[in-house]
Protein backbone atom coordinates (compact mmCIF):
# COMPACT_ATOMS: atom_id res chain seq x y z
CA UNK A 1 13.65 -13.11 -1.25
CA UNK A 2 14.24 -9.38 -0.77
CA UNK A 3 11.32 -7.19 0.30
CA UNK A 4 11.08 -3.49 -0.57
CA UNK A 5 9.00 -1.51 1.92
CA UNK A 6 7.65 1.57 0.15
CA UNK A 7 6.87 4.49 2.46
CA UNK A 8 5.24 7.68 1.09
CA UNK A 9 5.34 10.64 3.47
CA UNK A 10 3.86 14.13 3.41
CA UNK A 11 4.07 16.60 6.30
CA UNK A 12 4.76 14.02 9.02
CA UNK A 13 7.55 15.78 10.90
CA UNK A 14 6.33 14.57 14.29
CA UNK A 15 5.98 10.90 13.24
CA UNK A 16 8.47 10.12 10.48
CA UNK A 17 11.49 9.28 12.68
CA UNK A 18 9.43 6.86 14.75
CA UNK A 19 7.79 5.39 11.64
CA UNK A 20 11.18 4.66 10.07
CA UNK A 21 12.53 3.25 13.34
CA UNK A 22 9.55 0.94 13.77
CA UNK A 23 9.79 -0.31 10.18
CA UNK A 24 13.49 -1.10 10.48
CA UNK A 25 13.27 -2.72 13.93
CA UNK A 26 10.99 -5.57 12.86
CA UNK A 27 12.45 -9.08 12.76
CA UNK A 28 11.79 -9.97 9.11
CA UNK A 29 12.16 -13.49 7.68
CA UNK A 30 13.98 -12.08 4.66
CA UNK A 31 16.24 -9.26 3.50
CA UNK A 32 14.52 -5.85 3.37
CA UNK A 33 15.01 -2.30 2.23
CA UNK A 34 12.99 0.77 3.20
CA UNK A 35 12.38 3.21 0.35
CA UNK A 36 10.99 6.52 1.62
CA UNK A 37 9.61 9.22 -0.67
CA UNK A 38 9.10 12.69 0.79
CA UNK A 39 6.21 13.96 -1.32
CA UNK A 40 7.01 17.69 -1.18
CA UNK A 41 6.56 18.12 2.57
CA UNK A 42 6.33 21.72 3.75
CA UNK A 43 7.11 21.13 7.41
CA UNK A 44 10.34 19.74 8.83
CA UNK A 45 9.94 16.20 7.45
CA UNK A 46 12.81 16.58 4.97
CA UNK A 47 15.18 17.74 7.71
CA UNK A 48 14.29 14.79 9.93
CA UNK A 49 14.85 12.34 7.07
CA UNK A 50 18.26 13.82 6.32
CA UNK A 51 19.31 12.98 9.86
CA UNK A 52 18.40 9.28 9.62
CA UNK A 53 21.08 6.75 8.74
CA UNK A 54 20.72 3.05 8.04
CA UNK A 55 22.18 1.00 5.16
CA UNK A 56 18.71 -0.39 4.46
CA UNK A 57 17.18 3.08 4.12
CA UNK A 58 17.02 5.21 0.97
CA UNK A 59 15.23 8.56 0.74
CA UNK A 60 13.88 10.26 -2.38
CA UNK A 61 12.28 13.70 -2.57
CA UNK A 62 9.57 15.26 -4.73
CA UNK A 63 10.01 18.98 -5.30
CA UNK A 64 6.26 19.44 -4.80
CA UNK A 65 3.31 17.47 -3.48
CA UNK A 66 2.10 15.05 -6.17
CA UNK A 67 -0.03 12.61 -4.16
CA UNK A 68 0.36 9.18 -2.57
CA UNK A 69 0.08 7.34 -5.88
CA UNK A 70 2.93 9.34 -7.40
CA UNK A 71 5.08 8.83 -4.31
CA UNK A 72 4.57 5.05 -4.50
CA UNK A 73 5.45 5.08 -8.20
CA UNK A 74 8.71 6.87 -7.41
CA UNK A 75 9.46 4.42 -4.60
CA UNK A 76 8.74 1.41 -6.83
CA UNK A 77 10.97 2.82 -9.58
CA UNK A 78 13.87 3.01 -7.11
CA UNK A 79 13.22 -0.26 -5.28
CA UNK A 80 15.50 -3.27 -5.78
CA UNK A 81 13.53 -6.05 -4.07
CA UNK A 82 11.74 -9.10 -5.43
CA UNK A 83 8.55 -8.17 -3.57
CA UNK A 84 7.11 -4.89 -2.35
CA UNK A 85 4.69 -3.75 0.32
CA UNK A 86 3.30 -0.29 1.04
CA UNK A 87 3.63 1.16 4.55
CA UNK A 88 2.26 4.62 5.32
CA UNK A 89 4.23 6.88 7.65
CA UNK A 90 1.24 7.81 9.83
CA UNK A 91 1.60 4.90 12.30
CA UNK A 92 -1.95 3.69 11.66
CA UNK A 93 -0.49 0.35 10.54
CA UNK A 94 1.91 -1.74 12.60
CA UNK A 95 5.00 -2.91 10.66
CA UNK A 96 5.19 -5.85 13.06
CA UNK A 97 2.34 -7.31 10.96
CA UNK A 98 4.40 -7.35 7.74
CA UNK A 99 6.00 -10.77 8.44
CA UNK A 100 2.45 -12.17 8.57
CA UNK A 101 1.99 -11.01 4.98
CA UNK A 102 5.31 -12.55 3.93
CA UNK A 103 4.62 -16.03 5.38
CA UNK A 104 2.01 -17.13 2.76
CA UNK A 105 4.48 -16.16 0.02
CA UNK A 106 7.44 -18.01 1.51
CA UNK A 107 5.45 -21.21 2.00
CA UNK A 108 3.93 -21.08 -1.50
CA UNK A 109 0.32 -20.34 -0.60
CA UNK A 110 0.10 -16.91 -2.23
CA UNK A 111 1.70 -14.40 -4.56
CA UNK A 112 -0.39 -11.31 -3.69
CA UNK A 113 -1.27 -10.72 -0.04
CA UNK A 114 -3.50 -8.03 1.52
CA UNK A 115 -3.57 -7.11 5.20
CA UNK A 116 -7.24 -7.02 6.18
CA UNK A 117 -8.32 -4.61 8.93
CA UNK A 118 -10.98 -5.42 11.53
CA UNK A 119 -12.61 -2.16 12.55
CA UNK A 120 -13.72 -1.60 16.14
CA UNK A 121 -14.52 1.31 18.41
CA UNK A 122 -10.84 1.72 19.29
CA UNK A 123 -9.57 1.45 15.70
CA UNK A 124 -12.09 3.26 13.49
CA UNK A 125 -11.80 6.92 12.56
CA UNK A 126 -15.57 7.34 12.27
CA UNK A 127 -18.74 5.45 11.40
CA UNK A 128 -18.87 7.03 7.94
CA UNK A 129 -15.22 6.25 7.23
CA UNK A 130 -15.80 2.56 7.95
CA UNK A 131 -19.06 2.49 5.97
CA UNK A 132 -17.36 4.22 3.06
CA UNK A 133 -14.58 1.65 3.05
CA UNK A 134 -17.07 -1.21 3.23
CA UNK A 135 -19.16 0.36 0.48
CA UNK A 136 -16.24 0.71 -1.93
CA UNK A 137 -15.13 -2.85 -1.15
CA UNK A 138 -18.66 -4.18 -1.70
CA UNK A 139 -18.91 -2.46 -5.10
CA UNK A 140 -15.61 -4.03 -6.12
CA UNK A 141 -16.81 -7.48 -5.06
CA UNK A 142 -20.06 -7.07 -6.99
CA UNK A 143 -18.66 -5.82 -10.29
CA UNK A 144 -15.65 -8.17 -10.31
CA UNK A 145 -17.52 -11.15 -8.80
CA UNK A 146 -14.90 -11.49 -6.08
CA UNK A 147 -14.88 -11.48 -2.29
CA UNK A 148 -12.25 -9.39 -0.58
CA UNK A 149 -12.77 -7.76 2.80
CA UNK A 150 -10.65 -4.59 2.68
CA UNK A 151 -9.92 -2.95 -0.67
CA UNK A 152 -8.49 0.26 0.80
CA UNK A 153 -5.91 -1.40 3.05
CA UNK A 154 -2.43 0.09 2.82
CA UNK A 155 -0.82 -3.33 3.28
CA UNK A 156 -0.65 -4.72 -0.25
CA UNK A 157 2.24 -7.14 -0.82
CA UNK A 158 3.09 -8.46 -4.27
CA UNK A 159 6.04 -9.05 -6.64
CA UNK A 160 7.66 -5.74 -7.54
CA UNK A 161 7.57 -6.78 -11.20
CA UNK A 162 3.80 -7.33 -10.96
CA UNK A 163 3.23 -3.91 -9.41
CA UNK A 164 5.26 -2.26 -12.15
CA UNK A 165 3.34 -4.16 -14.82
CA UNK A 166 0.05 -2.70 -13.51
CA UNK A 167 1.20 0.77 -14.66
CA UNK A 168 -0.68 2.63 -11.96
CA UNK A 169 -1.67 6.14 -13.08
CA UNK A 170 -3.67 7.47 -10.12
CA UNK A 171 -1.64 10.19 -8.42
CA UNK A 172 -3.57 10.25 -5.13
CA UNK A 173 -5.40 7.82 -2.86
CA UNK A 174 -7.19 6.41 -5.91
CA UNK A 175 -4.18 4.19 -6.43
CA UNK A 176 -5.62 1.73 -3.87
CA UNK A 177 -8.71 1.14 -6.01
CA UNK A 178 -6.68 1.07 -9.23
CA UNK A 179 -4.31 -1.59 -7.90
CA UNK A 180 -7.18 -3.81 -6.75
CA UNK A 181 -9.25 -3.23 -9.89
CA UNK A 182 -6.37 -4.18 -12.16
CA UNK A 183 -5.53 -7.27 -10.11
CA UNK A 184 -9.15 -8.47 -10.08
CA UNK A 185 -9.52 -7.77 -13.79
CA UNK A 186 -6.56 -10.10 -14.37
CA UNK A 187 -8.25 -12.76 -12.18
CA UNK A 188 -5.58 -12.32 -9.49
CA UNK A 189 -7.29 -12.77 -6.12
CA UNK A 190 -5.38 -11.41 -3.12
CA UNK A 191 -4.74 -13.71 -0.18
CA UNK A 192 -5.87 -11.92 2.98
CA UNK A 193 -4.42 -12.03 6.49
CA UNK A 194 -5.77 -10.13 9.53
CA UNK A 195 -3.77 -7.13 10.75
CA UNK A 196 -4.01 -4.57 13.55
CA UNK A 197 -5.02 -0.98 12.84
CA UNK A 198 -5.53 2.30 14.67
CA UNK A 199 -7.01 5.17 12.68
CA UNK A 200 -5.97 8.68 13.61
CA UNK A 201 -8.30 11.68 13.66
CA UNK A 202 -8.43 14.80 11.50
CA UNK A 203 -6.73 16.66 14.33
CA UNK A 204 -3.92 14.11 14.28
CA UNK A 205 -3.47 14.57 10.53
CA UNK A 206 -5.75 12.10 8.71
CA UNK A 207 -5.90 13.17 5.05
CA UNK A 208 -8.33 10.90 3.17
CA UNK A 209 -11.85 12.32 2.54
CA UNK A 210 -15.20 11.26 1.07
CA UNK A 211 -14.05 12.60 -2.31
CA UNK A 212 -11.43 9.86 -2.40
CA UNK A 213 -14.21 7.30 -1.96
CA UNK A 214 -16.11 8.71 -4.92
CA UNK A 215 -12.93 8.62 -6.99
CA UNK A 216 -12.37 5.00 -5.97
CA UNK A 217 -15.81 4.01 -7.27
CA UNK A 218 -15.12 5.71 -10.60
CA UNK A 219 -11.73 4.00 -10.93
CA UNK A 220 -13.17 0.56 -10.15
CA UNK A 221 -15.88 1.03 -12.78
CA UNK A 222 -13.40 2.34 -15.33
CA UNK A 223 -11.08 -0.63 -14.86
CA UNK A 224 -13.95 -3.11 -15.01
CA UNK A 225 -15.10 -2.03 -18.48
CA UNK A 226 -11.63 -2.20 -19.98
CA UNK A 227 -10.79 -5.07 -22.29
CA UNK A 228 -9.62 -8.10 -20.26
CA UNK A 229 -5.93 -8.91 -20.45
CA UNK A 230 -4.82 -12.23 -21.86
CA UNK A 231 -3.57 -15.03 -19.67
CA UNK A 232 0.04 -14.32 -20.62
CA UNK A 233 -0.27 -10.68 -19.57
CA UNK A 234 -1.97 -11.67 -16.33
CA UNK A 235 0.98 -13.90 -15.44
CA UNK A 236 3.70 -11.56 -16.69
CA UNK A 237 4.38 -9.96 -13.32
CA UNK A 238 4.13 -13.12 -11.24
CA UNK A 239 7.45 -14.53 -10.14
CA UNK A 240 8.32 -17.03 -7.44
CA UNK A 241 10.48 -15.48 -4.70
CA UNK A 242 14.13 -16.37 -4.44
CA UNK A 243 14.77 -18.31 -1.26
């Protein structure tokens, strides 16, 4: 199995070198590659990335800011792994948790794995951020008759072929809801594992807002009313990993 770690980045000059270093320094149970997409950064992010060298690292650049969803689409188009996982460059998520997402795949328990965050006083950005996340997740569970605990988690691991088959169109943060909505509509239930998390503040550069939550609700509703895919289509992206 080869895992592609997809890292979108926008204006993270102060963090990107450390984020890449942390991602590459993990002891993974499989071969990996790190695919970074600089989404039109206006600070010194591009210069920092040009100075990083590792055979497992590839960097791609957008000429302008297009949004997280677009950056992930570019990363997925250039990835060469069997599986993929998203890792933001803001250091809110710990790449040391990624092997925990891989384990259920390697032992045959799961094909799609989500890293589920447990919010606490030391890890939550704000009360309203946590309530917004829980609200969006609750709506998804109600309209899809499912039970997942963290829809907006960055850590979503699945076969690269499955992700490509979803044909994600959301250019921004709405991609998180679109991915989950399309998986649930195909009766694909993510396997969840607990992960660590530390939210940063607005002053530290947090970008998501309440508007993204409203967009997520619209996307979930839109995907729910679409015509269900057939069983063949639902299985088309599912592939067992190569050992």
